[in-house]
Amino acid sequence: MEALIRLSASIGIFLTMIGWERLSPRRKPNISLRQRWSVNLGLAVFNMMIMSLTLGGIAYLSAVHAAETSWGFLNQWHAPVWLSIIVTLLFLDFALYCQHILTHKWQPLWRLHQIHHTDLEFDATTAVRFHPLEIMLSMLYKVACIYLIGAHPMTVVAFEIILNGAALFNHSNVYIPPAIDEKLRWLIITPDMHRVHHSTVPAETDSNYGFSISWWDRLCKTYTPAPRYGQTTMPIGLNPYRSQKDLSFMRLLLLPFKPLKRG
């Protein structure tokens, strides 16, 4: 049931975002959707298959086990449910913000994470463009965080839905009026804010690491308000990977095991 709830929410949010992208796009795509989506959605389906056969549902089950065995800070402290929910959501979001920085700074993890950044365009499907090994490692890290904090099981389900929904939203190619975007950024990651992170300019790629809450980038001084070359004209992706033919499904799966390109 937990997996069905998450899947239904993901599909609903995804369909909403791609519909919004069609009605009000922020940037004009230079690459056909068919060419990119076959890779991005192919990776998404492949990752779901891998996870269902390996670590599927482990986050929720870990929270259940932690509650039953009194693992974690909140379970030891016997915190009220409302406080447990707030602390868990904030803790997990900050934990993934820290993990995201590590995937950029530590070469073994960057080899995997670069697959996400090789997309030459930026839309809702970019949110699901990940190498399966990164998905698995991220899940194991999340499990460790769940045990550490003693996360409430239903809060973990809610966090997974929020995380997935936020990723689909802030990777989407949608237009939000600048005045509204500026206000939203004080709480959440907007597409214009996160798009900066996908810039080819290294200083911009190494900023705006947040997933759903924008506070961490501001508090930790990793916030960049706008790209150097403008939202509608900034180049997206990584400089060493500019040819679409080098970014096929199989080439991306093998990319982490090839010599690392700099540039």
Protein backbone atom coordinates (compact mmCIF):
# COMPACT_ATOMS: atom_id res chain seq x y z
CA MET A 1 0.00 0.00 0.00
CA GLU A 2 2.85 2.39 0.89
CA ALA A 3 4.46 1.84 -2.53
CA LEU A 4 1.13 2.31 -4.33
CA ILE A 5 0.53 5.62 -2.56
CA ARG A 6 3.98 6.91 -3.53
CA LEU A 7 3.65 5.73 -7.13
CA SER A 8 0.19 7.27 -7.56
CA ALA A 9 1.39 10.59 -6.15
CA SER A 10 4.46 10.57 -8.41
CA ILE A 11 2.47 9.87 -11.57
CA GLY A 12 -0.10 12.53 -10.70
CA ILE A 13 2.54 15.19 -10.01
CA PHE A 14 4.51 14.23 -13.13
CA LEU A 15 1.47 14.53 -15.39
CA THR A 16 0.63 17.88 -13.81
CA MET A 17 4.11 19.25 -14.41
CA ILE A 18 4.45 18.12 -18.03
CA GLY A 19 1.02 19.62 -18.70
CA TRP A 20 2.14 22.90 -17.14
CA GLU A 21 5.33 22.79 -19.22
CA ARG A 22 3.26 22.56 -22.38
CA LEU A 23 0.98 25.42 -21.39
CA SER A 24 3.61 27.81 -20.01
CA PRO A 25 7.25 26.87 -20.77
CA ARG A 26 10.14 28.89 -19.33
CA ARG A 27 12.66 27.95 -22.05
CA LYS A 28 12.35 26.85 -25.65
CA PRO A 29 13.77 23.30 -26.01
CA ASN A 30 16.55 22.78 -28.56
CA ILE A 31 16.41 18.98 -28.45
CA SER A 32 13.37 16.89 -29.30
CA LEU A 33 11.41 15.52 -26.36
CA ARG A 34 11.38 12.06 -27.90
CA GLN A 35 15.17 11.97 -28.00
CA ARG A 36 15.61 12.99 -24.35
CA TRP A 37 12.55 11.44 -22.78
CA SER A 38 13.36 7.97 -24.09
CA VAL A 39 16.58 8.13 -22.07
CA ASN A 40 15.26 9.88 -18.97
CA LEU A 41 12.08 7.85 -18.65
CA GLY A 42 13.99 4.71 -19.59
CA LEU A 43 16.29 5.29 -16.63
CA ALA A 44 13.29 5.96 -14.38
CA VAL A 45 11.61 2.67 -15.33
CA PHE A 46 14.89 0.75 -15.07
CA ASN A 47 15.55 2.22 -11.63
CA MET A 48 12.06 1.31 -10.42
CA MET A 49 12.59 -2.27 -11.58
CA ILE A 50 15.97 -2.48 -9.86
CA MET A 51 14.62 -1.02 -6.63
CA SER A 52 11.57 -3.28 -6.60
CA LEU A 53 13.90 -6.29 -6.79
CA THR A 54 16.35 -5.00 -4.17
CA LEU A 55 15.62 -2.15 -1.76
CA GLY A 56 11.99 -1.38 -2.54
CA GLY A 57 10.06 -0.22 0.54
CA ILE A 58 13.13 -0.35 2.77
CA ALA A 59 12.77 3.27 3.97
CA TYR A 60 9.26 2.66 5.33
CA LEU A 61 10.18 -0.76 6.75
CA SER A 62 13.22 0.73 8.47
CA ALA A 63 11.04 3.33 10.15
CA VAL A 64 8.66 0.61 11.32
CA HIS A 65 11.55 -1.44 12.70
CA ALA A 66 13.08 1.62 14.38
CA ALA A 67 9.74 2.34 16.10
CA GLU A 68 9.30 -1.26 17.23
CA THR A 69 12.83 -1.48 18.66
CA SER A 70 13.04 2.12 19.96
CA TRP A 71 15.93 3.02 17.67
CA GLY A 72 16.71 6.67 17.12
CA PHE A 73 16.60 9.98 18.95
CA LEU A 74 12.85 10.61 18.66
CA ASN A 75 11.92 7.08 19.73
CA GLN A 76 14.22 7.26 22.75
CA TRP A 77 12.85 10.66 23.70
CA HIS A 78 9.22 9.59 23.13
CA ALA A 79 8.47 12.84 21.34
CA PRO A 80 4.84 13.74 20.57
CA VAL A 81 3.75 12.81 17.05
CA TRP A 82 3.41 16.41 15.82
CA LEU A 83 6.93 17.27 16.92
CA SER A 84 8.30 14.01 15.53
CA ILE A 85 6.79 14.83 12.13
CA ILE A 86 8.30 18.34 11.98
CA VAL A 87 11.75 17.27 13.22
CA THR A 88 11.85 14.28 10.88
CA LEU A 89 10.90 16.27 7.78
CA LEU A 90 13.48 18.98 8.52
CA PHE A 91 16.21 16.51 9.47
CA LEU A 92 15.78 14.32 6.39
CA ASP A 93 15.66 17.30 4.06
CA PHE A 94 18.86 18.74 5.52
CA ALA A 95 20.50 15.30 5.43
CA LEU A 96 19.81 15.02 1.70
CA TYR A 97 21.10 18.55 1.17
CA CYS A 98 24.39 17.45 2.77
CA GLN A 99 24.42 14.26 0.71
CA HIS A 100 23.93 16.29 -2.47
CA ILE A 101 26.99 18.39 -1.69
CA LEU A 102 29.00 15.21 -1.11
CA THR A 103 27.97 13.81 -4.51
CA HIS A 104 29.58 16.87 -6.10
CA LYS A 105 32.70 17.01 -3.95
CA TRP A 106 33.68 13.32 -3.64
CA GLN A 107 34.81 11.84 -6.96
CA PRO A 108 33.42 8.28 -6.54
CA LEU A 109 29.95 9.71 -5.94
CA TRP A 110 30.32 12.36 -8.64
CA ARG A 111 30.97 9.60 -11.19
CA LEU A 112 27.42 8.45 -10.52
CA HIS A 113 25.78 11.83 -9.98
CA GLN A 114 27.14 13.31 -13.20
CA ILE A 115 24.57 11.26 -15.12
CA HIS A 116 21.89 13.56 -13.68
CA HIS A 117 23.81 16.64 -14.84
CA THR A 118 24.53 15.44 -18.38
CA ASP A 119 21.00 16.28 -19.49
CA LEU A 120 21.31 19.07 -22.06
CA GLU A 121 17.82 20.39 -21.32
CA PHE A 122 15.89 20.92 -18.09
CA ASP A 123 12.37 19.65 -17.54
CA ALA A 124 10.37 17.35 -15.28
CA THR A 125 12.01 14.24 -16.74
CA THR A 126 15.43 15.52 -15.62
CA ALA A 127 14.22 14.85 -12.07
CA VAL A 128 14.27 11.08 -12.71
CA ARG A 129 17.53 10.92 -14.67
CA PHE A 130 19.78 9.05 -12.22
CA HIS A 131 22.13 6.10 -12.30
CA PRO A 132 20.66 3.07 -10.47
CA LEU A 133 23.73 2.76 -8.23
CA GLU A 134 23.20 6.33 -7.03
CA ILE A 135 19.55 5.58 -6.28
CA MET A 136 20.56 2.54 -4.22
CA LEU A 137 23.31 4.33 -2.30
CA SER A 138 20.98 7.25 -1.63
CA MET A 139 18.38 4.88 -0.23
CA LEU A 140 20.90 3.24 2.11
CA TYR A 141 21.99 6.67 3.32
CA LYS A 142 18.35 7.59 3.88
CA VAL A 143 17.81 4.39 5.89
CA ALA A 144 20.76 5.29 8.15
CA CYS A 145 19.22 8.74 8.70
CA ILE A 146 15.82 7.18 9.49
CA TYR A 147 17.36 4.96 12.18
CA LEU A 148 19.41 7.84 13.57
CA ILE A 149 16.46 10.19 14.03
CA GLY A 150 13.88 7.47 14.77
CA ALA A 151 11.53 8.64 12.03
CA HIS A 152 7.80 7.99 12.30
CA PRO A 153 6.82 5.49 9.53
CA MET A 154 4.03 7.59 8.00
CA THR A 155 6.29 10.65 8.10
CA VAL A 156 8.78 8.72 5.96
CA VAL A 157 6.03 8.03 3.40
CA ALA A 158 5.07 11.72 3.46
CA PHE A 159 8.71 12.75 3.04
CA GLU A 160 9.17 10.45 0.05
CA ILE A 161 6.10 11.98 -1.61
CA ILE A 162 7.26 15.53 -0.80
CA LEU A 163 10.79 14.79 -2.04
CA ASN A 164 9.58 13.30 -5.31
CA GLY A 165 7.01 16.04 -5.86
CA ALA A 166 9.52 18.79 -5.10
CA ALA A 167 12.06 17.27 -7.51
CA LEU A 168 9.50 17.09 -10.33
CA PHE A 169 8.42 20.67 -9.62
CA ASN A 170 11.83 22.31 -9.29
CA HIS A 171 13.22 20.53 -12.37
CA SER A 172 10.28 21.52 -14.54
CA ASN A 173 10.42 23.89 -17.49
CA VAL A 174 7.60 26.13 -16.28
CA TYR A 175 7.23 29.89 -16.19
CA ILE A 176 6.51 31.49 -12.81
CA PRO A 177 6.28 35.30 -12.70
CA PRO A 178 9.51 36.68 -11.18
CA ALA A 179 7.71 38.50 -8.36
CA ILE A 180 6.00 35.26 -7.27
CA ASP A 181 9.18 33.23 -7.76
CA GLU A 182 11.12 35.60 -5.49
CA LYS A 183 8.59 35.15 -2.68
CA LEU A 184 8.37 31.37 -3.09
CA ARG A 185 12.16 31.07 -2.79
CA TRP A 186 12.08 32.08 0.84
CA LEU A 187 10.51 28.70 1.59
CA ILE A 188 10.79 26.27 -1.34
CA ILE A 189 13.11 25.53 -4.26
CA THR A 190 11.62 26.96 -7.45
CA PRO A 191 12.53 25.84 -11.00
CA ASP A 192 14.43 29.09 -11.66
CA MET A 193 16.43 28.59 -8.46
CA HIS A 194 17.31 24.98 -9.13
CA ARG A 195 18.01 25.51 -12.84
CA VAL A 196 21.10 27.49 -11.77
CA HIS A 197 22.46 24.25 -10.30
CA HIS A 198 22.33 22.69 -13.78
CA SER A 199 24.38 25.46 -15.37
CA THR A 200 27.62 24.61 -17.20
CA VAL A 201 29.36 27.31 -15.12
CA PRO A 202 31.16 25.36 -12.33
CA ALA A 203 30.55 27.98 -9.64
CA GLU A 204 26.82 27.80 -10.38
CA THR A 205 26.73 24.01 -10.52
CA ASP A 206 28.31 24.05 -7.05
CA SER A 207 25.40 25.99 -5.57
CA ASN A 208 21.65 25.67 -4.91
CA TYR A 209 21.90 22.09 -3.60
CA GLY A 210 18.55 22.05 -1.83
CA PHE A 211 15.78 19.59 -2.67
CA SER A 212 12.58 21.10 -1.32
CA ILE A 213 13.36 23.69 1.39
CA SER A 214 15.44 26.68 0.30
CA TRP A 215 16.69 27.57 3.80
CA TRP A 216 19.76 25.30 3.78
CA ASP A 217 21.38 27.01 0.78
CA ARG A 218 20.88 30.41 2.36
CA LEU A 219 22.07 29.36 5.82
CA CYS A 220 25.10 27.45 4.50
CA LYS A 221 26.10 30.11 1.97
CA THR A 222 25.58 27.92 -1.11
CA TYR A 223 22.85 30.09 -2.62
CA THR A 224 23.17 31.66 -6.09
CA PRO A 225 20.17 33.83 -6.99
CA ALA A 226 20.55 33.92 -10.79
CA PRO A 227 22.72 32.42 -13.56
CA ARG A 228 25.38 34.50 -15.28
CA TYR A 229 23.90 33.96 -18.75
CA GLY A 230 20.22 34.36 -17.94
CA GLN A 231 17.47 31.80 -17.30
CA THR A 232 16.32 31.48 -20.92
CA THR A 233 19.76 31.42 -22.56
CA MET A 234 22.05 29.73 -20.02
CA PRO A 235 23.66 26.49 -21.28
CA ILE A 236 22.49 23.39 -19.41
CA GLY A 237 24.55 20.28 -18.67
CA LEU A 238 28.26 19.52 -18.40
CA ASN A 239 30.86 20.95 -20.77
CA PRO A 240 32.61 17.61 -21.51
CA TYR A 241 29.30 16.03 -22.61
CA ARG A 242 27.69 18.16 -25.31
CA SER A 243 26.88 15.47 -27.90
CA GLN A 244 23.50 13.78 -27.56
CA LYS A 245 24.84 10.60 -29.18
CA ASP A 246 27.20 10.16 -26.20
CA LEU A 247 24.27 10.31 -23.81
CA SER A 248 22.31 7.22 -24.81
CA PHE A 249 20.73 4.92 -22.22
CA MET A 250 23.53 2.33 -22.29
CA ARG A 251 26.33 4.91 -22.45
CA LEU A 252 24.97 6.61 -19.33
CA LEU A 253 24.82 3.32 -17.44
CA LEU A 254 28.48 2.71 -18.28
CA LEU A 255 29.66 6.31 -17.85
CA PRO A 256 30.68 6.01 -14.14
CA PHE A 257 33.17 3.27 -15.05
CA LYS A 258 34.95 5.29 -17.72
CA PRO A 259 37.76 7.87 -17.23
CA LEU A 260 36.36 11.00 -15.62
CA LYS A 261 36.25 14.00 -17.93
CA ARG A 262 36.98 17.47 -16.62
CA GLY A 263 35.91 20.77 -18.06
